[in-house]
Amino acid sequence: MVKILDAVKGVPAGSMALSVSRRDANGMIWAQVASRMTDVTSTSFGRGCTVLSLTLEAYWKSQGTPHFHKTAEVVFEAHAEGHRHYTLALLRSPFSYTTTAVVINAHTPDQA
């Protein structure tokens, strides 16, 4: 799950362009696995080094707000210790952004 909040207005920031890419088995080449929010599924976050790229610029331009960052990237190792559920949050303002993640173990049939 990806949540994006506008720190200036204190509301969800609405839709924005994003992509999810993973490194190949050799760790050399990034392969895009999702290019829209609706494409992001559990398979988008396969095991390995993953990058979530978010386009910030169009949002601030649509608001008529001067801004600094054009994109934000979150690079992380997905499922390094087994299957996990991820919630990634981006809090943005025109001249800064911060990210955080909540990572929990996925339920397996033998867990209560």
C-alpha atoms as a PDB file:
ATOM      1  CA  MET A   1       0.000   0.000   0.000  1.00  0.00           C
ATOM      2  CA  VAL A   2       1.270   3.486  -0.841  1.00  0.00           C
ATOM      3  CA  LYS A   3      -0.125   6.564   0.949  1.00  0.00           C
ATOM      4  CA  ILE A   4       0.748  10.102  -0.121  1.00  0.00           C
ATOM      5  CA  LEU A   5      -0.136  13.109   2.024  1.00  0.00           C
ATOM      6  CA  ASP A   6       0.068  16.849   1.330  1.00  0.00           C
ATOM      7  CA  ALA A   7       1.673  18.352   4.452  1.00  0.00           C
ATOM      8  CA  VAL A   8       0.572  21.887   3.498  1.00  0.00           C
ATOM      9  CA  LYS A   9      -3.150  21.103   3.296  1.00  0.00           C
ATOM     10  CA  GLY A  10      -3.156  18.142   5.685  1.00  0.00           C
ATOM     11  CA  VAL A  11      -5.019  15.938   3.212  1.00  0.00           C
ATOM     12  CA  PRO A  12      -4.266  12.993   0.908  1.00  0.00           C
ATOM     13  CA  ALA A  13      -2.343  14.307  -2.084  1.00  0.00           C
ATOM     14  CA  GLY A  14      -4.439  12.528  -4.693  1.00  0.00           C
ATOM     15  CA  SER A  15      -3.122  10.521  -7.593  1.00  0.00           C
ATOM     16  CA  MET A  16       0.422  10.841  -8.864  1.00  0.00           C
ATOM     17  CA  ALA A  17       2.588   9.010 -11.346  1.00  0.00           C
ATOM     18  CA  LEU A  18       4.689   6.226  -9.897  1.00  0.00           C
ATOM     19  CA  SER A  19       6.710   3.254 -10.984  1.00  0.00           C
ATOM     20  CA  VAL A  20       8.089   0.166  -9.262  1.00  0.00           C
ATOM     21  CA  SER A  21      11.298  -1.443 -10.495  1.00  0.00           C
ATOM     22  CA  ARG A  22      13.408  -4.385  -9.308  1.00  0.00           C
ATOM     23  CA  ARG A  23      17.045  -5.237  -9.913  1.00  0.00           C
ATOM     24  CA  ASP A  24      17.799  -8.304 -11.991  1.00  0.00           C
ATOM     25  CA  ALA A  25      19.410 -11.418 -10.493  1.00  0.00           C
ATOM     26  CA  ASN A  26      22.891  -9.936 -11.054  1.00  0.00           C
ATOM     27  CA  GLY A  27      21.906  -6.676  -9.339  1.00  0.00           C
ATOM     28  CA  MET A  28      22.926  -4.657 -12.368  1.00  0.00           C
ATOM     29  CA  ILE A  29      19.792  -3.754 -14.332  1.00  0.00           C
ATOM     30  CA  TRP A  30      16.512  -2.229 -13.109  1.00  0.00           C
ATOM     31  CA  ALA A  31      13.366  -3.759 -14.650  1.00  0.00           C
ATOM     32  CA  GLN A  32      10.085  -1.872 -14.290  1.00  0.00           C
ATOM     33  CA  VAL A  33       7.312  -4.095 -12.885  1.00  0.00           C
ATOM     34  CA  ALA A  34       4.559  -1.475 -12.422  1.00  0.00           C
ATOM     35  CA  SER A  35       3.960   1.935 -13.936  1.00  0.00           C
ATOM     36  CA  ARG A  36       0.676   3.031 -12.328  1.00  0.00           C
ATOM     37  CA  MET A  37      -0.844   2.776  -8.873  1.00  0.00           C
ATOM     38  CA  THR A  38      -3.396   0.282 -10.213  1.00  0.00           C
ATOM     39  CA  ASP A  39      -0.524  -1.940 -11.444  1.00  0.00           C
ATOM     40  CA  VAL A  40       1.031  -2.250  -7.988  1.00  0.00           C
ATOM     41  CA  THR A  41       0.256  -5.712  -6.625  1.00  0.00           C
ATOM     42  CA  SER A  42       1.918  -8.157  -4.270  1.00  0.00           C
ATOM     43  CA  THR A  43       3.935  -9.470  -7.234  1.00  0.00           C
ATOM     44  CA  SER A  44       5.335  -5.964  -7.833  1.00  0.00           C
ATOM     45  CA  PHE A  45       7.303  -6.362  -4.633  1.00  0.00           C
ATOM     46  CA  GLY A  46       9.083  -9.629  -5.363  1.00  0.00           C
ATOM     47  CA  ARG A  47      12.146 -10.626  -3.390  1.00  0.00           C
ATOM     48  CA  GLY A  48      15.122  -8.333  -3.945  1.00  0.00           C
ATOM     49  CA  CYS A  49      16.169  -4.719  -4.248  1.00  0.00           C
ATOM     50  CA  THR A  50      13.142  -2.630  -5.195  1.00  0.00           C
ATOM     51  CA  VAL A  51      12.697   1.058  -6.011  1.00  0.00           C
ATOM     52  CA  LEU A  52       9.425   2.970  -5.805  1.00  0.00           C
ATOM     53  CA  SER A  53       9.683   6.194  -7.848  1.00  0.00           C
ATOM     54  CA  LEU A  54       7.062   8.907  -7.374  1.00  0.00           C
ATOM     55  CA  THR A  55       6.606  11.977  -9.573  1.00  0.00           C
ATOM     56  CA  LEU A  56       6.016  15.028  -7.372  1.00  0.00           C
ATOM     57  CA  GLU A  57       6.281  17.877  -9.858  1.00  0.00           C
ATOM     58  CA  ALA A  58       2.908  17.595 -11.638  1.00  0.00           C
ATOM     59  CA  TYR A  59       0.998  17.823  -8.340  1.00  0.00           C
ATOM     60  CA  TRP A  60       2.647  21.083  -7.257  1.00  0.00           C
ATOM     61  CA  LYS A  61       2.310  22.567 -10.743  1.00  0.00           C
ATOM     62  CA  SER A  62      -1.413  21.756 -10.721  1.00  0.00           C
ATOM     63  CA  GLN A  63      -1.669  23.618  -7.396  1.00  0.00           C
ATOM     64  CA  GLY A  64       0.290  26.606  -8.757  1.00  0.00           C
ATOM     65  CA  THR A  65       2.824  26.091  -5.970  1.00  0.00           C
ATOM     66  CA  PRO A  66       6.575  26.708  -6.363  1.00  0.00           C
ATOM     67  CA  HIS A  67       8.446  23.506  -5.473  1.00  0.00           C
ATOM     68  CA  PHE A  68      11.915  21.962  -5.345  1.00  0.00           C
ATOM     69  CA  HIS A  69      11.766  18.159  -5.770  1.00  0.00           C
ATOM     70  CA  LYS A  70      10.676  16.668  -9.078  1.00  0.00           C
ATOM     71  CA  THR A  71      10.668  13.048  -7.892  1.00  0.00           C
ATOM     72  CA  ALA A  72      11.062  10.959  -4.751  1.00  0.00           C
ATOM     73  CA  GLU A  73      12.538   7.471  -4.650  1.00  0.00           C
ATOM     74  CA  VAL A  74      12.281   4.831  -1.958  1.00  0.00           C
ATOM     75  CA  VAL A  75      14.840   2.030  -2.402  1.00  0.00           C
ATOM     76  CA  PHE A  76      14.501  -1.022  -0.173  1.00  0.00           C
ATOM     77  CA  GLU A  77      15.157  -4.757   0.056  1.00  0.00           C
ATOM     78  CA  ALA A  78      11.788  -6.499  -0.308  1.00  0.00           C
ATOM     79  CA  HIS A  79      11.014  -9.811   1.370  1.00  0.00           C
ATOM     80  CA  ALA A  80      14.617 -10.345   2.514  1.00  0.00           C
ATOM     81  CA  GLU A  81      13.417 -12.352   5.532  1.00  0.00           C
ATOM     82  CA  GLY A  82      10.306 -13.962   4.041  1.00  0.00           C
ATOM     83  CA  HIS A  83       7.011 -12.629   2.753  1.00  0.00           C
ATOM     84  CA  ARG A  84       6.026  -9.247   4.226  1.00  0.00           C
ATOM     85  CA  HIS A  85       3.225  -6.692   3.842  1.00  0.00           C
ATOM     86  CA  TYR A  86       4.398  -3.135   3.176  1.00  0.00           C
ATOM     87  CA  THR A  87       2.738   0.212   3.781  1.00  0.00           C
ATOM     88  CA  LEU A  88       4.831   3.047   2.390  1.00  0.00           C
ATOM     89  CA  ALA A  89       3.909   6.617   3.292  1.00  0.00           C
ATOM     90  CA  LEU A  90       5.169   9.819   1.721  1.00  0.00           C
ATOM     91  CA  LEU A  91       4.534  13.145   3.455  1.00  0.00           C
ATOM     92  CA  ARG A  92       5.325  15.952   1.053  1.00  0.00           C
ATOM     93  CA  SER A  93       5.520  19.704   1.020  1.00  0.00           C
ATOM     94  CA  PRO A  94       6.809  21.993  -1.749  1.00  0.00           C
ATOM     95  CA  PHE A  95      10.427  21.986  -0.515  1.00  0.00           C
ATOM     96  CA  SER A  96      10.764  18.692   1.354  1.00  0.00           C
ATOM     97  CA  TYR A  97       9.439  15.179   1.669  1.00  0.00           C
ATOM     98  CA  THR A  98       9.821  12.351   4.126  1.00  0.00           C
ATOM     99  CA  THR A  99       9.021   8.683   3.844  1.00  0.00           C
ATOM    100  CA  THR A 100       8.280   5.944   6.306  1.00  0.00           C
ATOM    101  CA  ALA A 101       7.419   2.284   6.045  1.00  0.00           C
ATOM    102  CA  VAL A 102       5.438  -0.154   8.119  1.00  0.00           C
ATOM    103  CA  VAL A 103       6.535  -3.723   7.454  1.00  0.00           C
ATOM    104  CA  ILE A 104       4.683  -6.653   8.978  1.00  0.00           C
ATOM    105  CA  ASN A 105       4.887 -10.394   8.621  1.00  0.00           C
ATOM    106  CA  ALA A 106       2.358 -11.886   6.237  1.00  0.00           C
ATOM    107  CA  HIS A 107      -0.092 -14.314   7.759  1.00  0.00           C
ATOM    108  CA  THR A 108       0.485 -17.925   6.894  1.00  0.00           C
ATOM    109  CA  PRO A 109      -2.152 -20.670   7.206  1.00  0.00           C
ATOM    110  CA  ASP A 110      -0.523 -22.035  10.385  1.00  0.00           C
ATOM    111  CA  GLN A 111      -0.646 -18.629  12.156  1.00  0.00           C
ATOM    112  CA  ALA A 112      -3.665 -17.659  14.253  1.00  0.00           C
END
